[in-house]
C-alpha atoms as a PDB file:
ATOM      1  CA  MET A   1      13.498 -58.577 -28.196  1.00  0.00           C
ATOM      2  CA  THR A   2      12.595 -56.592 -31.038  1.00  0.00           C
ATOM      3  CA  ARG A   3       9.121 -56.428 -30.380  1.00  0.00           C
ATOM      4  CA  LYS A   4      10.161 -55.676 -26.746  1.00  0.00           C
ATOM      5  CA  LEU A   5      12.068 -52.392 -28.240  1.00  0.00           C
ATOM      6  CA  ARG A   6       8.925 -51.762 -30.493  1.00  0.00           C
ATOM      7  CA  ASN A   7       6.475 -51.458 -27.472  1.00  0.00           C
ATOM      8  CA  THR A   8       9.145 -49.434 -25.204  1.00  0.00           C
ATOM      9  CA  THR A   9       9.625 -46.864 -28.326  1.00  0.00           C
ATOM     10  CA  ARG A  10       5.725 -46.804 -28.660  1.00  0.00           C
ATOM     11  CA  ARG A  11       5.339 -46.025 -24.969  1.00  0.00           C
ATOM     12  CA  LYS A  12       8.534 -43.485 -24.049  1.00  0.00           C
ATOM     13  CA  GLY A  13       9.067 -41.953 -27.617  1.00  0.00           C
ATOM     14  CA  PRO A  14       6.408 -39.483 -27.339  1.00  0.00           C
ATOM     15  CA  ALA A  15       7.696 -38.278 -23.701  1.00  0.00           C
ATOM     16  CA  VAL A  16      11.240 -38.272 -24.670  1.00  0.00           C
ATOM     17  CA  ALA A  17      10.428 -35.910 -27.805  1.00  0.00           C
ATOM     18  CA  ALA A  18       8.587 -33.799 -25.997  1.00  0.00           C
ATOM     19  CA  VAL A  19      11.257 -33.207 -23.384  1.00  0.00           C
ATOM     20  CA  ALA A  20      13.731 -32.638 -26.345  1.00  0.00           C
ATOM     21  CA  ALA A  21      11.406 -30.057 -27.861  1.00  0.00           C
ATOM     22  CA  LEU A  22      11.304 -28.135 -24.397  1.00  0.00           C
ATOM     23  CA  LEU A  23      15.033 -28.509 -23.935  1.00  0.00           C
ATOM     24  CA  LEU A  24      15.533 -26.896 -27.705  1.00  0.00           C
ATOM     25  CA  ILE A  25      12.879 -24.371 -27.116  1.00  0.00           C
ATOM     26  CA  TRP A  26      14.735 -23.342 -23.548  1.00  0.00           C
ATOM     27  CA  GLN A  27      18.012 -23.405 -25.232  1.00  0.00           C
ATOM     28  CA  GLY A  28      16.807 -21.055 -27.859  1.00  0.00           C
ATOM     29  CA  VAL A  29      14.903 -18.830 -25.928  1.00  0.00           C
ATOM     30  CA  SER A  30      18.273 -18.403 -23.730  1.00  0.00           C
ATOM     31  CA  ALA A  31      20.368 -18.062 -26.687  1.00  0.00           C
ATOM     32  CA  ALA A  32      18.239 -14.958 -28.272  1.00  0.00           C
ATOM     33  CA  GLY A  33      18.145 -12.849 -25.187  1.00  0.00           C
ATOM     34  CA  VAL A  34      14.545 -13.191 -24.850  1.00  0.00           C
ATOM     35  CA  VAL A  35      15.210 -13.374 -20.985  1.00  0.00           C
ATOM     36  CA  PRO A  36      18.215 -12.484 -19.726  1.00  0.00           C
ATOM     37  CA  GLY A  37      20.998 -15.054 -18.674  1.00  0.00           C
ATOM     38  CA  TYR A  38      20.904 -14.363 -15.324  1.00  0.00           C
ATOM     39  CA  MET A  39      17.457 -15.118 -14.586  1.00  0.00           C
ATOM     40  CA  LEU A  40      17.162 -18.167 -16.855  1.00  0.00           C
ATOM     41  CA  PRO A  41      20.444 -19.567 -17.643  1.00  0.00           C
ATOM     42  CA  SER A  42      20.544 -22.051 -21.025  1.00  0.00           C
ATOM     43  CA  PRO A  43      20.619 -25.783 -20.272  1.00  0.00           C
ATOM     44  CA  VAL A  44      23.944 -25.539 -21.467  1.00  0.00           C
ATOM     45  CA  ASP A  45      24.961 -23.079 -18.352  1.00  0.00           C
ATOM     46  CA  VAL A  46      22.821 -25.768 -16.345  1.00  0.00           C
ATOM     47  CA  VAL A  47      25.011 -28.799 -17.617  1.00  0.00           C
ATOM     48  CA  GLN A  48      28.240 -26.880 -17.002  1.00  0.00           C
ATOM     49  CA  ALA A  49      27.029 -25.886 -13.572  1.00  0.00           C
ATOM     50  CA  PHE A  50      26.225 -29.429 -12.787  1.00  0.00           C
ATOM     51  CA  TRP A  51      29.546 -30.651 -13.548  1.00  0.00           C
ATOM     52  CA  THR A  52      31.381 -28.158 -11.983  1.00  0.00           C
ATOM     53  CA  GLU A  53      30.073 -28.652  -8.528  1.00  0.00           C
ATOM     54  CA  ARG A  54      29.293 -32.320  -9.361  1.00  0.00           C
ATOM     55  CA  ALA A  55      31.554 -33.294  -6.116  1.00  0.00           C
ATOM     56  CA  LEU A  56      29.285 -30.644  -3.419  1.00  0.00           C
ATOM     57  CA  LEU A  57      26.119 -32.214  -5.299  1.00  0.00           C
ATOM     58  CA  TRP A  58      26.811 -35.579  -4.587  1.00  0.00           C
ATOM     59  CA  GLU A  59      27.842 -34.798  -1.031  1.00  0.00           C
ATOM     60  CA  ASN A  60      24.551 -32.996  -0.274  1.00  0.00           C
ATOM     61  CA  ALA A  61      22.592 -35.491  -2.234  1.00  0.00           C
ATOM     62  CA  VAL A  62      23.841 -38.205   0.024  1.00  0.00           C
ATOM     63  CA  VAL A  63      22.457 -36.982   2.973  1.00  0.00           C
ATOM     64  CA  THR A  64      19.348 -36.383   1.306  1.00  0.00           C
ATOM     65  CA  LEU A  65      19.089 -39.998  -0.158  1.00  0.00           C
ATOM     66  CA  GLN A  66      19.619 -41.093   3.543  1.00  0.00           C
ATOM     67  CA  GLU A  67      17.131 -39.087   5.138  1.00  0.00           C
ATOM     68  CA  ALA A  68      14.606 -40.170   2.247  1.00  0.00           C
ATOM     69  CA  PHE A  69      15.266 -43.413   2.659  1.00  0.00           C
ATOM     70  CA  ILE A  70      14.778 -44.148   5.975  1.00  0.00           C
ATOM     71  CA  GLY A  71      11.737 -42.163   6.361  1.00  0.00           C
ATOM     72  CA  LEU A  72      10.259 -43.963   3.477  1.00  0.00           C
ATOM     73  CA  ALA A  73      11.209 -47.271   5.159  1.00  0.00           C
ATOM     74  CA  LEU A  74       9.782 -45.880   8.268  1.00  0.00           C
ATOM     75  CA  GLY A  75       6.472 -44.603   6.532  1.00  0.00           C
ATOM     76  CA  VAL A  76       5.779 -47.995   4.480  1.00  0.00           C
ATOM     77  CA  ALA A  77       6.227 -50.096   7.598  1.00  0.00           C
ATOM     78  CA  LEU A  78       3.817 -47.746   9.642  1.00  0.00           C
ATOM     79  CA  GLY A  79       1.316 -47.433   6.780  1.00  0.00           C
ATOM     80  CA  PHE A  80       1.205 -51.362   6.517  1.00  0.00           C
ATOM     81  CA  LEU A  81       0.866 -51.485  10.113  1.00  0.00           C
ATOM     82  CA  PHE A  82      -2.115 -49.463  10.179  1.00  0.00           C
ATOM     83  CA  ALA A  83      -3.998 -50.809   7.062  1.00  0.00           C
ATOM     84  CA  VAL A  84      -3.840 -54.001   8.126  1.00  0.00           C
ATOM     85  CA  LEU A  85      -5.156 -52.825  11.770  1.00  0.00           C
ATOM     86  CA  MET A  86      -7.658 -50.885   9.923  1.00  0.00           C
ATOM     87  CA  ASP A  87      -9.068 -53.491   7.481  1.00  0.00           C
ATOM     88  CA  ALA A  88      -9.237 -55.991  10.541  1.00  0.00           C
ATOM     89  CA  PHE A  89     -11.079 -54.046  12.920  1.00  0.00           C
ATOM     90  CA  ASP A  90     -13.879 -51.723  11.447  1.00  0.00           C
ATOM     91  CA  VAL A  91     -13.913 -49.566  14.632  1.00  0.00           C
ATOM     92  CA  LEU A  92     -10.244 -48.201  13.896  1.00  0.00           C
ATOM     93  CA  TYR A  93     -10.748 -47.868  10.158  1.00  0.00           C
ATOM     94  CA  ARG A  94     -14.074 -45.604  11.211  1.00  0.00           C
ATOM     95  CA  ALA A  95     -11.908 -43.960  14.413  1.00  0.00           C
ATOM     96  CA  PHE A  96      -8.541 -43.022  12.394  1.00  0.00           C
ATOM     97  CA  TYR A  97      -9.276 -43.003   8.355  1.00  0.00           C
ATOM     98  CA  PRO A  98     -10.805 -39.410   9.040  1.00  0.00           C
ATOM     99  CA  ILE A  99      -7.691 -38.469  10.711  1.00  0.00           C
ATOM    100  CA  LEU A 100      -5.767 -39.705   8.030  1.00  0.00           C
ATOM    101  CA  VAL A 101      -7.226 -37.453   5.752  1.00  0.00           C
ATOM    102  CA  ILE A 102      -6.728 -34.519   7.633  1.00  0.00           C
ATOM    103  CA  THR A 103      -3.143 -35.196   7.990  1.00  0.00           C
ATOM    104  CA  GLN A 104      -3.143 -34.645   4.666  1.00  0.00           C
ATOM    105  CA  THR A 105      -5.208 -31.255   4.330  1.00  0.00           C
ATOM    106  CA  VAL A 106      -2.097 -29.823   6.644  1.00  0.00           C
ATOM    107  CA  PRO A 107       0.810 -28.431   4.167  1.00  0.00           C
ATOM    108  CA  THR A 108       4.042 -29.700   4.719  1.00  0.00           C
ATOM    109  CA  VAL A 109       5.760 -26.393   4.933  1.00  0.00           C
ATOM    110  CA  ALA A 110       3.319 -25.608   7.729  1.00  0.00           C
ATOM    111  CA  ILE A 111       4.534 -28.594   9.499  1.00  0.00           C
ATOM    112  CA  ALA A 112       8.275 -28.406   9.246  1.00  0.00           C
ATOM    113  CA  PRO A 113       9.024 -25.323  11.162  1.00  0.00           C
ATOM    114  CA  LEU A 114       7.355 -26.834  14.113  1.00  0.00           C
ATOM    115  CA  LEU A 115       9.147 -29.833  13.584  1.00  0.00           C
ATOM    116  CA  VAL A 116      12.460 -28.300  13.475  1.00  0.00           C
ATOM    117  CA  LEU A 117      11.505 -26.052  16.671  1.00  0.00           C
ATOM    118  CA  TRP A 118      10.817 -29.357  18.820  1.00  0.00           C
ATOM    119  CA  PHE A 119      13.525 -31.824  17.310  1.00  0.00           C
ATOM    120  CA  GLY A 120      16.393 -29.287  16.411  1.00  0.00           C
ATOM    121  CA  TYR A 121      18.187 -29.254  13.126  1.00  0.00           C
ATOM    122  CA  GLU A 122      19.625 -33.253  12.716  1.00  0.00           C
ATOM    123  CA  MET A 123      18.037 -35.641  10.654  1.00  0.00           C
ATOM    124  CA  THR A 124      15.315 -36.748  13.203  1.00  0.00           C
ATOM    125  CA  PRO A 125      12.231 -33.841  12.321  1.00  0.00           C
ATOM    126  CA  LYS A 126      13.316 -34.504   8.269  1.00  0.00           C
ATOM    127  CA  ILE A 127      12.570 -38.111   8.800  1.00  0.00           C
ATOM    128  CA  ILE A 128       9.116 -37.594  10.739  1.00  0.00           C
ATOM    129  CA  LEU A 129       8.504 -34.966   7.759  1.00  0.00           C
ATOM    130  CA  ILE A 130       9.124 -38.102   5.331  1.00  0.00           C
ATOM    131  CA  VAL A 131       7.097 -40.358   7.218  1.00  0.00           C
ATOM    132  CA  ILE A 132       4.072 -37.841   7.424  1.00  0.00           C
ATOM    133  CA  SER A 133       4.415 -37.443   3.489  1.00  0.00           C
ATOM    134  CA  THR A 134       4.813 -41.423   2.762  1.00  0.00           C
ATOM    135  CA  PHE A 135       2.531 -42.359   5.521  1.00  0.00           C
ATOM    136  CA  PHE A 136      -0.911 -41.665   3.649  1.00  0.00           C
ATOM    137  CA  PRO A 137      -0.586 -42.902  -0.042  1.00  0.00           C
ATOM    138  CA  VAL A 138       0.691 -46.485   1.716  1.00  0.00           C
ATOM    139  CA  THR A 139      -2.169 -46.792   3.622  1.00  0.00           C
ATOM    140  CA  VAL A 140      -4.579 -45.661   1.653  1.00  0.00           C
ATOM    141  CA  GLY A 141      -3.490 -47.743  -1.419  1.00  0.00           C
ATOM    142  CA  LEU A 142      -3.460 -50.914   1.077  1.00  0.00           C
ATOM    143  CA  LEU A 143      -6.709 -50.280   2.433  1.00  0.00           C
ATOM    144  CA  ASP A 144      -8.196 -50.185  -1.067  1.00  0.00           C
ATOM    145  CA  GLY A 145      -6.628 -53.011  -1.979  1.00  0.00           C
ATOM    146  CA  PHE A 146      -7.799 -55.150   1.137  1.00  0.00           C
ATOM    147  CA  ARG A 147     -11.223 -54.167   0.593  1.00  0.00           C
ATOM    148  CA  SER A 148     -11.574 -54.764  -3.246  1.00  0.00           C
ATOM    149  CA  ALA A 149     -10.285 -58.246  -2.583  1.00  0.00           C
ATOM    150  CA  ASP A 150     -12.859 -61.015  -4.158  1.00  0.00           C
ATOM    151  CA  ARG A 151     -15.610 -61.781  -1.315  1.00  0.00           C
ATOM    152  CA  ASP A 152     -16.143 -65.089  -3.374  1.00  0.00           C
ATOM    153  CA  ALA A 153     -12.937 -66.547  -2.813  1.00  0.00           C
ATOM    154  CA  MET A 154     -12.804 -65.379   0.719  1.00  0.00           C
ATOM    155  CA  GLY A 155     -16.182 -67.040   1.276  1.00  0.00           C
ATOM    156  CA  MET A 156     -14.804 -70.224  -0.258  1.00  0.00           C
ATOM    157  CA  LEU A 157     -11.907 -70.337   1.707  1.00  0.00           C
ATOM    158  CA  ARG A 158     -13.990 -69.482   5.261  1.00  0.00           C
ATOM    159  CA  SER A 159     -16.088 -72.847   4.159  1.00  0.00           C
ATOM    160  CA  MET A 160     -12.934 -74.808   3.457  1.00  0.00           C
ATOM    161  CA  GLY A 161     -11.996 -73.886   7.295  1.00  0.00           C
ATOM    162  CA  ALA A 162      -9.328 -71.219   6.456  1.00  0.00           C
ATOM    163  CA  THR A 163      -8.066 -68.734   8.812  1.00  0.00           C
ATOM    164  CA  ARG A 164      -8.221 -64.651   9.143  1.00  0.00           C
ATOM    165  CA  TRP A 165      -4.369 -64.983   7.959  1.00  0.00           C
ATOM    166  CA  GLN A 166      -4.398 -67.944   5.539  1.00  0.00           C
ATOM    167  CA  ILE A 167      -7.661 -65.774   4.140  1.00  0.00           C
ATOM    168  CA  PHE A 168      -5.131 -62.257   3.990  1.00  0.00           C
ATOM    169  CA  ARG A 169      -1.817 -64.142   2.935  1.00  0.00           C
ATOM    170  CA  TYR A 170      -3.573 -66.038  -0.185  1.00  0.00           C
ATOM    171  CA  ILE A 171      -6.393 -63.635  -1.014  1.00  0.00           C
ATOM    172  CA  LYS A 172      -6.091 -59.926   0.536  1.00  0.00           C
ATOM    173  CA  CYS A 173      -2.289 -59.686  -0.052  1.00  0.00           C
ATOM    174  CA  PRO A 174      -1.992 -60.347  -3.711  1.00  0.00           C
ATOM    175  CA  SER A 175      -5.344 -58.525  -4.236  1.00  0.00           C
ATOM    176  CA  ALA A 176      -3.647 -55.460  -2.671  1.00  0.00           C
ATOM    177  CA  LEU A 177      -0.324 -55.546  -4.553  1.00  0.00           C
ATOM    178  CA  PRO A 178      -1.236 -53.054  -7.570  1.00  0.00           C
ATOM    179  CA  GLN A 179      -2.754 -50.541  -5.579  1.00  0.00           C
ATOM    180  CA  PHE A 180       0.334 -51.064  -2.809  1.00  0.00           C
ATOM    181  CA  PHE A 181       3.119 -50.407  -5.811  1.00  0.00           C
ATOM    182  CA  SER A 182       0.953 -47.306  -6.658  1.00  0.00           C
ATOM    183  CA  GLY A 183       1.079 -45.713  -3.278  1.00  0.00           C
ATOM    184  CA  LEU A 184       4.727 -46.480  -3.314  1.00  0.00           C
ATOM    185  CA  ARG A 185       5.322 -45.338  -6.119  1.00  0.00           C
ATOM    186  CA  ILE A 186       3.723 -41.661  -4.971  1.00  0.00           C
ATOM    187  CA  ALA A 187       5.702 -42.053  -1.807  1.00  0.00           C
ATOM    188  CA  ALA A 188       8.701 -42.552  -2.994  1.00  0.00           C
ATOM    189  CA  ALA A 189       8.662 -38.885  -5.116  1.00  0.00           C
ATOM    190  CA  TYR A 190       6.886 -37.830  -1.748  1.00  0.00           C
ATOM    191  CA  SER A 191      10.195 -38.978   0.467  1.00  0.00           C
ATOM    192  CA  VAL A 192      12.769 -36.675  -1.785  1.00  0.00           C
ATOM    193  CA  VAL A 193      10.427 -33.667  -1.816  1.00  0.00           C
ATOM    194  CA  GLY A 194       9.817 -34.093   2.033  1.00  0.00           C
ATOM    195  CA  ALA A 195      13.258 -34.244   2.401  1.00  0.00           C
ATOM    196  CA  VAL A 196      14.533 -31.215   0.448  1.00  0.00           C
ATOM    197  CA  ILE A 197      11.362 -29.078   2.218  1.00  0.00           C
ATOM    198  CA  SER A 198      12.785 -29.989   5.431  1.00  0.00           C
ATOM    199  CA  GLU A 199      16.096 -29.025   4.632  1.00  0.00           C
ATOM    200  CA  TRP A 200      14.961 -25.728   3.312  1.00  0.00           C
ATOM    201  CA  LEU A 201      14.247 -24.546   6.947  1.00  0.00           C
ATOM    202  CA  GLY A 202      17.215 -25.848   8.690  1.00  0.00           C
ATOM    203  CA  GLY A 203      20.014 -28.184   8.645  1.00  0.00           C
ATOM    204  CA  PHE A 204      23.662 -28.923   8.250  1.00  0.00           C
ATOM    205  CA  GLY A 205      23.739 -30.847   4.554  1.00  0.00           C
ATOM    206  CA  GLY A 206      21.476 -32.170   1.981  1.00  0.00           C
ATOM    207  CA  LEU A 207      20.543 -30.435  -1.400  1.00  0.00           C
ATOM    208  CA  GLY A 208      17.604 -28.128   0.451  1.00  0.00           C
ATOM    209  CA  VAL A 209      20.442 -27.077   2.180  1.00  0.00           C
ATOM    210  CA  TYR A 210      22.248 -26.243  -0.803  1.00  0.00           C
ATOM    211  CA  MET A 211      19.262 -25.024  -2.934  1.00  0.00           C
ATOM    212  CA  THR A 212      19.063 -22.377  -0.046  1.00  0.00           C
ATOM    213  CA  ARG A 213      22.642 -21.088  -0.459  1.00  0.00           C
ATOM    214  CA  VAL A 214      22.678 -21.256  -4.081  1.00  0.00           C
ATOM    215  CA  LYS A 215      19.413 -19.154  -4.232  1.00  0.00           C
ATOM    216  CA  LYS A 216      21.094 -16.450  -1.941  1.00  0.00           C
ATOM    217  CA  ALA A 217      23.742 -16.283  -4.097  1.00  0.00           C
ATOM    218  CA  PHE A 218      21.563 -15.788  -6.769  1.00  0.00           C
ATOM    219  CA  ALA A 219      23.188 -18.561  -8.999  1.00  0.00           C
ATOM    220  CA  PHE A 220      20.457 -19.510 -11.118  1.00  0.00           C
ATOM    221  CA  ASP A 221      22.527 -22.038 -12.993  1.00  0.00           C
ATOM    222  CA  LYS A 222      23.235 -23.907 -10.039  1.00  0.00           C
ATOM    223  CA  MET A 223      20.022 -23.768  -8.712  1.00  0.00           C
ATOM    224  CA  PHE A 224      18.571 -25.480 -12.224  1.00  0.00           C
ATOM    225  CA  ALA A 225      21.362 -27.833 -11.703  1.00  0.00           C
ATOM    226  CA  VAL A 226      20.204 -29.238  -7.917  1.00  0.00           C
ATOM    227  CA  ILE A 227      16.356 -29.370  -9.336  1.00  0.00           C
ATOM    228  CA  PHE A 228      16.972 -31.465 -12.335  1.00  0.00           C
ATOM    229  CA  LEU A 229      19.064 -33.766  -9.759  1.00  0.00           C
ATOM    230  CA  ILE A 230      16.077 -33.529  -7.302  1.00  0.00           C
ATOM    231  CA  SER A 231      14.111 -34.637 -10.529  1.00  0.00           C
ATOM    232  CA  ALA A 232      16.585 -37.452 -11.386  1.00  0.00           C
ATOM    233  CA  ILE A 233      16.437 -39.141  -7.905  1.00  0.00           C
ATOM    234  CA  SER A 234      12.752 -38.863  -7.687  1.00  0.00           C
ATOM    235  CA  LEU A 235      12.396 -40.466 -11.039  1.00  0.00           C
ATOM    236  CA  ALA A 236      15.237 -43.111 -10.354  1.00  0.00           C
ATOM    237  CA  LEU A 237      13.461 -44.062  -7.024  1.00  0.00           C
ATOM    238  CA  MET A 238       9.831 -44.514  -9.178  1.00  0.00           C
ATOM    239  CA  ALA A 239      11.714 -46.822 -11.741  1.00  0.00           C
ATOM    240  CA  LEU A 240      12.846 -48.669  -8.704  1.00  0.00           C
ATOM    241  CA  VAL A 241       9.380 -49.185  -7.625  1.00  0.00           C
ATOM    242  CA  ASP A 242       8.598 -50.414 -11.012  1.00  0.00           C
ATOM    243  CA  ALA A 243      11.419 -52.959 -11.117  1.00  0.00           C
ATOM    244  CA  VAL A 244      10.194 -54.216  -7.751  1.00  0.00           C
ATOM    245  CA  GLU A 245       6.811 -54.442  -9.061  1.00  0.00           C
ATOM    246  CA  LYS A 246       7.728 -56.114 -12.342  1.00  0.00           C
ATOM    247  CA  VAL A 247       9.669 -58.872  -9.869  1.00  0.00           C
ATOM    248  CA  SER A 248       7.016 -59.204  -7.400  1.00  0.00           C
ATOM    249  CA  MET A 249       3.994 -59.528 -10.028  1.00  0.00           C
ATOM    250  CA  PRO A 250       5.495 -61.162 -13.409  1.00  0.00           C
ATOM    251  CA  TYR A 251       2.109 -61.852 -14.480  1.00  0.00           C
ATOM    252  CA  ARG A 252       1.082 -58.352 -14.622  1.00  0.00           C
ATOM    253  CA  GLN A 253       4.108 -57.833 -16.912  1.00  0.00           C
ATOM    254  CA  LEU A 254       3.032 -60.393 -19.365  1.00  0.00           C
ATOM    255  CA  ASN A 255      -0.625 -59.147 -19.506  1.00  0.00           C
ATOM    256  CA  ASN A 256       0.793 -55.951 -20.732  1.00  0.00           C
ATOM    257  CA  ASP A 257       3.188 -57.414 -23.266  1.00  0.00           C
ATOM    258  CA  GLU A 258       0.344 -59.303 -24.813  1.00  0.00           C
END
């Protein structure tokens, strides 16, 4: 336990110290009046705004989380399906991989208004935008993992009469797990950001809608509060992915502890 605590402190201590220092500097700048309070509220003001608006923030956060979870689940499922197909059939890889790359060159802010125009202001356009945002990192991560599988191990299984399914199950899938979780970690963060961006352009609820309202009211303390909440949700989702990764690959955690 002591060793684990020491390792955790060594890994996360510098980041915690850096964040604490930034908050102290921010509080000092605000208290000294270097920047007007209505333009840069202090951390204390932000915490107070967060507490005052906690019910409304939670109500909108539930909407955003619903969109993020549904879009992320669909994006992961489609990413896995496409990665498997493109790995199995090289012609599909050559045909669709460039299209996947092109989809990431188009800003989501440019796509969102079209989705709202086509599908309205309900949850559907927001989920589609999240799927577009999360599909790419999962697909690319899995493809890289599948293609980096040990060829000698696959050749040995083939010589023993293994089927393509058995090679996929026992060699390619385990080989792709680290890249998959790396892509999933990015996709989890993208899911929340994609939901908020889509809510900016139209909707009846969600943290993006809330941000638009407080921005028009010039309530910057509430604006900072919702920004911190979005960051906290993204970090929580990434931590959840880390926890699932540790359960799925306990041997990796043992290697890291050593």
